[in-house]
Amino acid sequence: MHERQLFDAEGDSAENSETGPAGPVSRVRLLIAYDGTDFRGLAPNPGVRTVVGEIKRVLGAAIGYEPEIVMSGRTDAGVHASHQVLSLDLPAGQVADDAAIERVQRMLNARLGPEITTQQVDVVSADFSARFDATGRSYRYQITNRATADPIAARYAWHVVEPLDLALMRLACDPIIGEHDFSSFCRRPKVAPGDEPLSLVRRIDSAAWTEVGDGRFEFHISGSAFCHQMVRSLVGFHVAVGRGKRTAGEILGVLRARDRQLAEQPAPPHGLHLIDVRY
């Protein structure tokens, strides 16, 4: 089938019985954004709707097989992203020039938008990995701190009714900067019996709370990588500090204890946004 038909956003899906590419492929980098509200996370998961699962489905209908997709990092159910990076291989003819690349982007946006949008499509070197070549990630967590909820922000910010002391929350930022074992703030990954536990040591380059007006607070954090629920768990602890339930000085002891039972409940997922991946 002609490649223009394969990636025509207004046309029918391609009919192809291949289980993989029949010829040469090109490594492609996708920069995507998504509203995670109605997805069960980023990574494919049989039986449930996920961001990458939807992308694989749409690409599979167009090229006749579902490509393997590497993610810069996973996000949980309900978490959003304005800058998520994926890498995958597509038939070389489908991304042979700028016009073909634009057809790929147009097709993905027509079939997945506005929940998932492809911001950029690039052909990259064959050894590029969205995950292993990334040198840093940045997240933003949003809170609405006032007596009444904001219905416009409700999908993207945690509504906290009790007044928060932002100065105390800022004091809880300094102790987490640097390299630490974040076992107390991470959901421990499963390992096979007999295998060594995976390291939860991570490096945090910056962490800060800002007030953006009208009872809105934002937490910005950047680091080399993050383990499962790490940012949400840190936000949960900081909010407990802001409420006066915990002190900023406790966070270093909780870090050193490497005991998740000493931390607070993670903040809800819908306030979390992946905003940058660096290479």
C-alpha atoms as a PDB file:
ATOM      1  CA  MET A   1       0.000   0.000   0.000  1.00  0.00           C
ATOM      2  CA  HIS A   2       1.232   3.479  -0.782  1.00  0.00           C
ATOM      3  CA  GLU A   3       2.699   5.161   2.290  1.00  0.00           C
ATOM      4  CA  ARG A   4       0.543   8.266   1.824  1.00  0.00           C
ATOM      5  CA  GLN A   5      -2.530   6.074   2.303  1.00  0.00           C
ATOM      6  CA  LEU A   6      -1.042   4.455   5.407  1.00  0.00           C
ATOM      7  CA  PHE A   7      -0.687   7.761   7.210  1.00  0.00           C
ATOM      8  CA  ASP A   8      -3.638   9.661   5.765  1.00  0.00           C
ATOM      9  CA  ALA A   9      -5.462  10.961   8.863  1.00  0.00           C
ATOM     10  CA  GLU A  10      -8.759  11.140   6.993  1.00  0.00           C
ATOM     11  CA  GLY A  11      -8.452   7.733   5.311  1.00  0.00           C
ATOM     12  CA  ASP A  12      -9.104   4.168   6.390  1.00  0.00           C
ATOM     13  CA  SER A  13      -6.629   2.087   8.376  1.00  0.00           C
ATOM     14  CA  ALA A  14      -4.135  -0.007   6.479  1.00  0.00           C
ATOM     15  CA  GLU A  15      -4.836  -3.673   5.953  1.00  0.00           C
ATOM     16  CA  ASN A  16      -1.658  -5.640   6.614  1.00  0.00           C
ATOM     17  CA  SER A  17      -1.106  -9.106   8.032  1.00  0.00           C
ATOM     18  CA  GLU A  18       2.559  -8.553   8.868  1.00  0.00           C
ATOM     19  CA  THR A  19       3.659  -9.155  12.462  1.00  0.00           C
ATOM     20  CA  GLY A  20       6.625  -6.815  12.100  1.00  0.00           C
ATOM     21  CA  PRO A  21       8.371  -4.557   9.600  1.00  0.00           C
ATOM     22  CA  ALA A  22       9.015  -6.230   6.254  1.00  0.00           C
ATOM     23  CA  GLY A  23      11.885  -3.918   5.332  1.00  0.00           C
ATOM     24  CA  PRO A  24      14.215  -1.231   6.700  1.00  0.00           C
ATOM     25  CA  VAL A  25      13.142   0.823   9.683  1.00  0.00           C
ATOM     26  CA  SER A  26      14.031   4.235  11.071  1.00  0.00           C
ATOM     27  CA  ARG A  27      14.245   5.132  14.754  1.00  0.00           C
ATOM     28  CA  VAL A  28      11.706   7.845  15.562  1.00  0.00           C
ATOM     29  CA  ARG A  29      11.370  10.119  18.585  1.00  0.00           C
ATOM     30  CA  LEU A  30       7.893  11.302  19.520  1.00  0.00           C
ATOM     31  CA  LEU A  31       7.335  14.251  21.834  1.00  0.00           C
ATOM     32  CA  ILE A  32       3.821  13.855  23.213  1.00  0.00           C
ATOM     33  CA  ALA A  33       1.487  15.532  25.694  1.00  0.00           C
ATOM     34  CA  TYR A  34      -1.558  14.014  27.346  1.00  0.00           C
ATOM     35  CA  ASP A  35      -4.357  14.503  29.823  1.00  0.00           C
ATOM     36  CA  GLY A  36      -3.997  11.423  32.002  1.00  0.00           C
ATOM     37  CA  THR A  37      -7.427  11.655  33.652  1.00  0.00           C
ATOM     38  CA  ASP A  38      -9.082   8.822  31.760  1.00  0.00           C
ATOM     39  CA  PHE A  39      -6.025   6.594  31.293  1.00  0.00           C
ATOM     40  CA  ARG A  40      -4.668   3.863  33.537  1.00  0.00           C
ATOM     41  CA  GLY A  41      -1.167   5.236  33.206  1.00  0.00           C
ATOM     42  CA  LEU A  42       1.331   5.591  30.390  1.00  0.00           C
ATOM     43  CA  ALA A  43       2.666   2.073  29.842  1.00  0.00           C
ATOM     44  CA  PRO A  44       0.757  -0.617  27.928  1.00  0.00           C
ATOM     45  CA  ASN A  45      -1.359  -2.796  30.200  1.00  0.00           C
ATOM     46  CA  PRO A  46      -3.605  -5.496  28.716  1.00  0.00           C
ATOM     47  CA  GLY A  47      -7.300  -4.978  29.350  1.00  0.00           C
ATOM     48  CA  VAL A  48      -7.108  -1.314  30.351  1.00  0.00           C
ATOM     49  CA  ARG A  49      -6.768   1.944  28.444  1.00  0.00           C
ATOM     50  CA  THR A  50      -3.286   3.516  28.604  1.00  0.00           C
ATOM     51  CA  VAL A  51      -1.542   6.308  26.711  1.00  0.00           C
ATOM     52  CA  VAL A  52       1.074   4.174  24.969  1.00  0.00           C
ATOM     53  CA  GLY A  53      -1.464   1.402  24.503  1.00  0.00           C
ATOM     54  CA  GLU A  54      -3.595   3.808  22.466  1.00  0.00           C
ATOM     55  CA  ILE A  55      -0.611   4.983  20.426  1.00  0.00           C
ATOM     56  CA  LYS A  56       0.365   1.381  19.660  1.00  0.00           C
ATOM     57  CA  ARG A  57      -3.205   0.596  18.624  1.00  0.00           C
ATOM     58  CA  VAL A  58      -3.391   3.513  16.203  1.00  0.00           C
ATOM     59  CA  LEU A  59       0.041   2.862  14.721  1.00  0.00           C
ATOM     60  CA  GLY A  60      -0.718  -0.844  14.453  1.00  0.00           C
ATOM     61  CA  ALA A  61      -3.838  -0.130  12.416  1.00  0.00           C
ATOM     62  CA  ALA A  62      -1.802   2.087  10.097  1.00  0.00           C
ATOM     63  CA  ILE A  63       1.320  -0.024   9.515  1.00  0.00           C
ATOM     64  CA  GLY A  64       0.022  -3.540  10.152  1.00  0.00           C
ATOM     65  CA  TYR A  65       1.879  -4.309  13.396  1.00  0.00           C
ATOM     66  CA  GLU A  66       2.212  -2.683  16.811  1.00  0.00           C
ATOM     67  CA  PRO A  67       5.729  -1.311  17.291  1.00  0.00           C
ATOM     68  CA  GLU A  68       7.646  -1.630  20.522  1.00  0.00           C
ATOM     69  CA  ILE A  69       7.713   1.767  22.243  1.00  0.00           C
ATOM     70  CA  VAL A  70      10.322   2.919  24.770  1.00  0.00           C
ATOM     71  CA  MET A  71       9.207   5.596  27.256  1.00  0.00           C
ATOM     72  CA  SER A  72      11.406   8.202  28.933  1.00  0.00           C
ATOM     73  CA  GLY A  73       9.703   7.235  32.187  1.00  0.00           C
ATOM     74  CA  ARG A  74       6.375   5.851  33.298  1.00  0.00           C
ATOM     75  CA  THR A  75       3.558   7.916  34.743  1.00  0.00           C
ATOM     76  CA  ASP A  76       0.769   6.538  36.920  1.00  0.00           C
ATOM     77  CA  ALA A  77      -2.957   6.536  36.273  1.00  0.00           C
ATOM     78  CA  GLY A  78      -4.278  10.100  36.329  1.00  0.00           C
ATOM     79  CA  VAL A  79      -0.879  11.793  35.896  1.00  0.00           C
ATOM     80  CA  HIS A  80      -0.501  14.290  33.044  1.00  0.00           C
ATOM     81  CA  ALA A  81       2.381  15.277  30.772  1.00  0.00           C
ATOM     82  CA  SER A  82       3.217  18.226  28.557  1.00  0.00           C
ATOM     83  CA  HIS A  83       6.623  16.789  27.599  1.00  0.00           C
ATOM     84  CA  GLN A  84       6.857  13.013  27.418  1.00  0.00           C
ATOM     85  CA  VAL A  85       9.358  11.388  25.037  1.00  0.00           C
ATOM     86  CA  LEU A  86       8.945   8.041  23.272  1.00  0.00           C
ATOM     87  CA  SER A  87      11.222   6.162  20.883  1.00  0.00           C
ATOM     88  CA  LEU A  88      10.167   3.492  18.392  1.00  0.00           C
ATOM     89  CA  ASP A  89      10.982   2.071  14.976  1.00  0.00           C
ATOM     90  CA  LEU A  90       8.750   2.746  11.959  1.00  0.00           C
ATOM     91  CA  PRO A  91       9.098   1.548   8.349  1.00  0.00           C
ATOM     92  CA  ALA A  92      11.740   3.787   6.814  1.00  0.00           C
ATOM     93  CA  GLY A  93       9.516   4.736   3.892  1.00  0.00           C
ATOM     94  CA  GLN A  94       6.896   6.190   6.211  1.00  0.00           C
ATOM     95  CA  VAL A  95       9.298   8.806   7.629  1.00  0.00           C
ATOM     96  CA  ALA A  96      11.540   9.305   4.593  1.00  0.00           C
ATOM     97  CA  ASP A  97      11.093  13.088   4.339  1.00  0.00           C
ATOM     98  CA  ASP A  98       9.454  16.055   6.064  1.00  0.00           C
ATOM     99  CA  ALA A  99       6.128  15.548   4.300  1.00  0.00           C
ATOM    100  CA  ALA A 100       5.959  11.902   5.403  1.00  0.00           C
ATOM    101  CA  ILE A 101       6.844  12.840   8.976  1.00  0.00           C
ATOM    102  CA  GLU A 102       4.089  15.446   8.989  1.00  0.00           C
ATOM    103  CA  ARG A 103       1.609  12.782   7.867  1.00  0.00           C
ATOM    104  CA  VAL A 104       2.576  10.617  10.840  1.00  0.00           C
ATOM    105  CA  GLN A 105       2.001  13.533  13.214  1.00  0.00           C
ATOM    106  CA  ARG A 106      -1.285  14.519  11.557  1.00  0.00           C
ATOM    107  CA  MET A 107      -2.611  10.969  11.682  1.00  0.00           C
ATOM    108  CA  LEU A 108      -1.760  10.523  15.366  1.00  0.00           C
ATOM    109  CA  ASN A 109      -3.322  13.834  16.348  1.00  0.00           C
ATOM    110  CA  ALA A 110      -6.464  13.231  14.300  1.00  0.00           C
ATOM    111  CA  ARG A 111      -7.072   9.851  15.916  1.00  0.00           C
ATOM    112  CA  LEU A 112      -5.887  10.491  19.473  1.00  0.00           C
ATOM    113  CA  GLY A 113      -6.368  14.204  20.125  1.00  0.00           C
ATOM    114  CA  PRO A 114      -7.140  16.093  22.172  1.00  0.00           C
ATOM    115  CA  GLU A 115      -6.448  13.584  24.989  1.00  0.00           C
ATOM    116  CA  ILE A 116      -3.070  12.692  23.474  1.00  0.00           C
ATOM    117  CA  THR A 117      -1.258  15.034  21.113  1.00  0.00           C
ATOM    118  CA  THR A 118       2.000  14.517  19.260  1.00  0.00           C
ATOM    119  CA  GLN A 119       3.947  17.748  19.547  1.00  0.00           C
ATOM    120  CA  GLN A 120       6.928  16.716  17.446  1.00  0.00           C
ATOM    121  CA  VAL A 121       8.160  13.791  15.343  1.00  0.00           C
ATOM    122  CA  ASP A 122      11.861  13.370  14.534  1.00  0.00           C
ATOM    123  CA  VAL A 123      13.971  10.707  12.876  1.00  0.00           C
ATOM    124  CA  VAL A 124      16.959  10.062  15.167  1.00  0.00           C
ATOM    125  CA  SER A 125      19.989   7.795  15.296  1.00  0.00           C
ATOM    126  CA  ALA A 126      19.302   4.065  15.416  1.00  0.00           C
ATOM    127  CA  ASP A 127      20.745   3.731  18.923  1.00  0.00           C
ATOM    128  CA  PHE A 128      18.637   6.474  20.525  1.00  0.00           C
ATOM    129  CA  SER A 129      16.629   5.388  23.579  1.00  0.00           C
ATOM    130  CA  ALA A 130      13.993   7.650  25.112  1.00  0.00           C
ATOM    131  CA  ARG A 131      14.710   6.050  28.473  1.00  0.00           C
ATOM    132  CA  PHE A 132      18.425   5.348  28.670  1.00  0.00           C
ATOM    133  CA  ASP A 133      19.648   8.491  26.901  1.00  0.00           C
ATOM    134  CA  ALA A 134      17.655  10.800  29.167  1.00  0.00           C
ATOM    135  CA  THR A 135      19.812  12.738  31.635  1.00  0.00           C
ATOM    136  CA  GLY A 136      17.066  14.403  33.671  1.00  0.00           C
ATOM    137  CA  ARG A 137      13.358  14.836  34.239  1.00  0.00           C
ATOM    138  CA  SER A 138      11.276  17.656  35.694  1.00  0.00           C
ATOM    139  CA  TYR A 139       7.830  17.549  37.279  1.00  0.00           C
ATOM    140  CA  ARG A 140       5.333  20.115  38.494  1.00  0.00           C
ATOM    141  CA  TYR A 141       2.708  19.457  41.155  1.00  0.00           C
ATOM    142  CA  GLN A 142      -0.222  21.881  41.472  1.00  0.00           C
ATOM    143  CA  ILE A 143      -2.323  22.599  44.555  1.00  0.00           C
ATOM    144  CA  THR A 144      -5.374  24.807  44.980  1.00  0.00           C
ATOM    145  CA  ASN A 145      -5.395  25.945  48.613  1.00  0.00           C
ATOM    146  CA  ARG A 146      -8.652  27.672  49.434  1.00  0.00           C
ATOM    147  CA  ALA A 147     -12.013  26.936  51.009  1.00  0.00           C
ATOM    148  CA  THR A 148     -13.902  26.301  47.781  1.00  0.00           C
ATOM    149  CA  ALA A 149     -12.745  24.206  44.869  1.00  0.00           C
ATOM    150  CA  ASP A 150     -12.031  25.620  41.414  1.00  0.00           C
ATOM    151  CA  PRO A 151     -13.957  23.450  38.926  1.00  0.00           C
ATOM    152  CA  ILE A 152     -11.703  24.531  36.056  1.00  0.00           C
ATOM    153  CA  ALA A 153      -8.571  23.372  37.898  1.00  0.00           C
ATOM    154  CA  ALA A 154     -10.149  20.296  39.479  1.00  0.00           C
ATOM    155  CA  ARG A 155      -8.695  17.829  36.944  1.00  0.00           C
ATOM    156  CA  TYR A 156      -5.164  19.196  37.266  1.00  0.00           C
ATOM    157  CA  ALA A 157      -4.659  20.389  40.850  1.00  0.00           C
ATOM    158  CA  TRP A 158      -5.134  18.907  44.325  1.00  0.00           C
ATOM    159  CA  HIS A 159      -7.723  20.905  46.266  1.00  0.00           C
ATOM    160  CA  VAL A 160      -6.506  21.285  49.865  1.00  0.00           C
ATOM    161  CA  VAL A 161      -8.984  23.074  52.121  1.00  0.00           C
ATOM    162  CA  GLU A 162      -6.834  23.517  55.256  1.00  0.00           C
ATOM    163  CA  PRO A 163      -4.548  26.579  55.083  1.00  0.00           C
ATOM    164  CA  LEU A 164      -0.970  25.657  54.173  1.00  0.00           C
ATOM    165  CA  ASP A 165       2.130  27.419  55.501  1.00  0.00           C
ATOM    166  CA  LEU A 166       4.207  27.781  52.345  1.00  0.00           C
ATOM    167  CA  ALA A 167       7.274  28.967  54.291  1.00  0.00           C
ATOM    168  CA  LEU A 168       7.370  25.677  56.220  1.00  0.00           C
ATOM    169  CA  MET A 169       6.909  23.662  53.026  1.00  0.00           C
ATOM    170  CA  ARG A 170       9.867  25.483  51.497  1.00  0.00           C
ATOM    171  CA  LEU A 171      12.031  24.460  54.456  1.00  0.00           C
ATOM    172  CA  ALA A 172      11.288  20.816  53.618  1.00  0.00           C
ATOM    173  CA  CYS A 173      12.848  21.205  50.155  1.00  0.00           C
ATOM    174  CA  ASP A 174      16.542  21.621  51.021  1.00  0.00           C
ATOM    175  CA  PRO A 175      17.005  18.231  52.747  1.00  0.00           C
ATOM    176  CA  ILE A 176      15.936  16.281  49.643  1.00  0.00           C
ATOM    177  CA  ILE A 177      18.360  18.000  47.252  1.00  0.00           C
ATOM    178  CA  GLY A 178      21.368  15.854  46.360  1.00  0.00           C
ATOM    179  CA  GLU A 179      21.780  12.103  46.133  1.00  0.00           C
ATOM    180  CA  HIS A 180      19.777  10.024  48.609  1.00  0.00           C
ATOM    181  CA  ASP A 181      18.173   6.634  49.010  1.00  0.00           C
ATOM    182  CA  PHE A 182      14.477   7.496  48.591  1.00  0.00           C
ATOM    183  CA  SER A 183      13.138   4.149  49.820  1.00  0.00           C
ATOM    184  CA  SER A 184      10.917   5.964  52.326  1.00  0.00           C
ATOM    185  CA  PHE A 185       9.244   7.890  49.506  1.00  0.00           C
ATOM    186  CA  CYS A 186       8.987   5.230  46.802  1.00  0.00           C
ATOM    187  CA  ARG A 187       6.783   2.282  46.118  1.00  0.00           C
ATOM    188  CA  ARG A 188       9.288  -0.559  46.115  1.00  0.00           C
ATOM    189  CA  PRO A 189       9.495  -2.323  42.743  1.00  0.00           C
ATOM    190  CA  LYS A 190       8.796  -6.034  42.567  1.00  0.00           C
ATOM    191  CA  VAL A 191      11.774  -8.311  41.990  1.00  0.00           C
ATOM    192  CA  ALA A 192      11.951 -12.002  41.221  1.00  0.00           C
ATOM    193  CA  PRO A 193      12.716 -14.345  44.142  1.00  0.00           C
ATOM    194  CA  GLY A 194      16.441 -14.489  44.745  1.00  0.00           C
ATOM    195  CA  ASP A 195      17.187 -11.261  42.848  1.00  0.00           C
ATOM    196  CA  GLU A 196      18.828  -8.275  44.501  1.00  0.00           C
ATOM    197  CA  PRO A 197      16.465  -5.390  45.386  1.00  0.00           C
ATOM    198  CA  LEU A 198      16.644  -2.548  42.890  1.00  0.00           C
ATOM    199  CA  SER A 199      18.420   0.602  44.030  1.00  0.00           C
ATOM    200  CA  LEU A 200      16.182   3.528  44.978  1.00  0.00           C
ATOM    201  CA  VAL A 201      19.072   6.002  45.120  1.00  0.00           C
ATOM    202  CA  ARG A 202      18.212   9.094  43.103  1.00  0.00           C
ATOM    203  CA  ARG A 203      19.773  12.544  42.583  1.00  0.00           C
ATOM    204  CA  ILE A 204      17.592  15.627  43.014  1.00  0.00           C
ATOM    205  CA  ASP A 205      18.988  18.778  41.418  1.00  0.00           C
ATOM    206  CA  SER A 206      16.328  21.275  42.501  1.00  0.00           C
ATOM    207  CA  ALA A 207      13.081  21.405  44.460  1.00  0.00           C
ATOM    208  CA  ALA A 208      10.996  24.481  45.232  1.00  0.00           C
ATOM    209  CA  TRP A 209       7.497  25.642  46.140  1.00  0.00           C
ATOM    210  CA  THR A 210       6.092  28.805  44.566  1.00  0.00           C
ATOM    211  CA  GLU A 211       2.861  30.749  45.011  1.00  0.00           C
ATOM    212  CA  VAL A 212       1.256  31.662  41.705  1.00  0.00           C
ATOM    213  CA  GLY A 213      -1.729  33.614  43.049  1.00  0.00           C
ATOM    214  CA  ASP A 214      -5.387  33.032  43.880  1.00  0.00           C
ATOM    215  CA  GLY A 215      -4.560  30.295  46.380  1.00  0.00           C
ATOM    216  CA  ARG A 216      -2.493  28.275  43.908  1.00  0.00           C
ATOM    217  CA  PHE A 217       0.803  26.642  44.831  1.00  0.00           C
ATOM    218  CA  GLU A 218       3.225  24.791  42.574  1.00  0.00           C
ATOM    219  CA  PHE A 219       6.003  22.371  43.465  1.00  0.00           C
ATOM    220  CA  HIS A 220       8.777  22.090  40.872  1.00  0.00           C
ATOM    221  CA  ILE A 221      11.315  19.290  41.134  1.00  0.00           C
ATOM    222  CA  SER A 222      14.118  18.175  38.804  1.00  0.00           C
ATOM    223  CA  GLY A 223      16.466  15.237  39.008  1.00  0.00           C
ATOM    224  CA  SER A 224      18.213  12.478  37.151  1.00  0.00           C
ATOM    225  CA  ALA A 225      15.292  10.067  37.540  1.00  0.00           C
ATOM    226  CA  PHE A 226      12.408   9.295  39.874  1.00  0.00           C
ATOM    227  CA  CYS A 227      11.150   6.035  41.334  1.00  0.00           C
ATOM    228  CA  HIS A 228       7.504   4.991  41.547  1.00  0.00           C
ATOM    229  CA  GLN A 229       5.303   7.521  43.437  1.00  0.00           C
ATOM    230  CA  MET A 230       8.375   9.460  44.590  1.00  0.00           C
ATOM    231  CA  VAL A 231       7.204  12.972  43.672  1.00  0.00           C
ATOM    232  CA  ARG A 232       3.682  12.382  44.970  1.00  0.00           C
ATOM    233  CA  SER A 233       5.042  10.988  48.232  1.00  0.00           C
ATOM    234  CA  LEU A 234       7.310  13.991  48.718  1.00  0.00           C
ATOM    235  CA  VAL A 235       4.385  16.337  48.040  1.00  0.00           C
ATOM    236  CA  GLY A 236       2.245  14.401  50.526  1.00  0.00           C
ATOM    237  CA  PHE A 237       4.899  14.889  53.203  1.00  0.00           C
ATOM    238  CA  HIS A 238       5.362  18.572  52.374  1.00  0.00           C
ATOM    239  CA  VAL A 239       1.626  19.188  52.607  1.00  0.00           C
ATOM    240  CA  ALA A 240       1.619  17.500  56.023  1.00  0.00           C
ATOM    241  CA  VAL A 241       4.361  19.971  56.997  1.00  0.00           C
ATOM    242  CA  GLY A 242       2.291  22.862  55.647  1.00  0.00           C
ATOM    243  CA  ARG A 243      -0.693  21.684  57.681  1.00  0.00           C
ATOM    244  CA  GLY A 244       1.420  21.521  60.851  1.00  0.00           C
ATOM    245  CA  LYS A 245       1.120  17.719  61.181  1.00  0.00           C
ATOM    246  CA  ARG A 246       4.850  17.173  60.541  1.00  0.00           C
ATOM    247  CA  THR A 247       7.933  19.365  60.808  1.00  0.00           C
ATOM    248  CA  ALA A 248      10.369  20.187  58.040  1.00  0.00           C
ATOM    249  CA  GLY A 249      13.183  18.843  60.195  1.00  0.00           C
ATOM    250  CA  GLU A 250      11.668  15.358  60.179  1.00  0.00           C
ATOM    251  CA  ILE A 251      12.165  14.747  56.480  1.00  0.00           C
ATOM    252  CA  LEU A 252      15.895  14.036  56.734  1.00  0.00           C
ATOM    253  CA  GLY A 253      15.297  11.412  59.433  1.00  0.00           C
ATOM    254  CA  VAL A 254      12.582   9.802  57.323  1.00  0.00           C
ATOM    255  CA  LEU A 255      14.957   9.686  54.355  1.00  0.00           C
ATOM    256  CA  ARG A 256      17.705   8.037  56.403  1.00  0.00           C
ATOM    257  CA  ALA A 257      15.314   5.482  57.897  1.00  0.00           C
ATOM    258  CA  ARG A 258      14.497   4.016  54.456  1.00  0.00           C
ATOM    259  CA  ASP A 259      11.093   3.028  55.818  1.00  0.00           C
ATOM    260  CA  ARG A 260       8.000   3.851  53.802  1.00  0.00           C
ATOM    261  CA  GLN A 261       5.803   3.496  56.869  1.00  0.00           C
ATOM    262  CA  LEU A 262       7.334   6.714  58.238  1.00  0.00           C
ATOM    263  CA  ALA A 263       6.237   8.839  55.269  1.00  0.00           C
ATOM    264  CA  GLU A 264       2.824  10.318  54.557  1.00  0.00           C
ATOM    265  CA  GLN A 265       0.256   9.133  52.014  1.00  0.00           C
ATOM    266  CA  PRO A 266       1.159  10.144  48.444  1.00  0.00           C
ATOM    267  CA  ALA A 267      -0.592  13.188  47.037  1.00  0.00           C
ATOM    268  CA  PRO A 268      -3.353  12.419  44.495  1.00  0.00           C
ATOM    269  CA  PRO A 269      -2.082  11.719  40.975  1.00  0.00           C
ATOM    270  CA  HIS A 270      -4.114  14.347  39.123  1.00  0.00           C
ATOM    271  CA  GLY A 271      -1.986  17.245  40.407  1.00  0.00           C
ATOM    272  CA  LEU A 272       1.210  15.823  38.895  1.00  0.00           C
ATOM    273  CA  HIS A 273       2.560  16.857  35.480  1.00  0.00           C
ATOM    274  CA  LEU A 274       5.705  15.712  33.670  1.00  0.00           C
ATOM    275  CA  ILE A 275       6.987  18.955  32.145  1.00  0.00           C
ATOM    276  CA  ASP A 276      10.456  18.179  30.764  1.00  0.00           C
ATOM    277  CA  VAL A 277      12.836  15.383  29.799  1.00  0.00           C
ATOM    278  CA  ARG A 278      16.454  16.325  29.102  1.00  0.00           C
ATOM    279  CA  TYR A 279      19.009  14.620  26.857  1.00  0.00           C
END
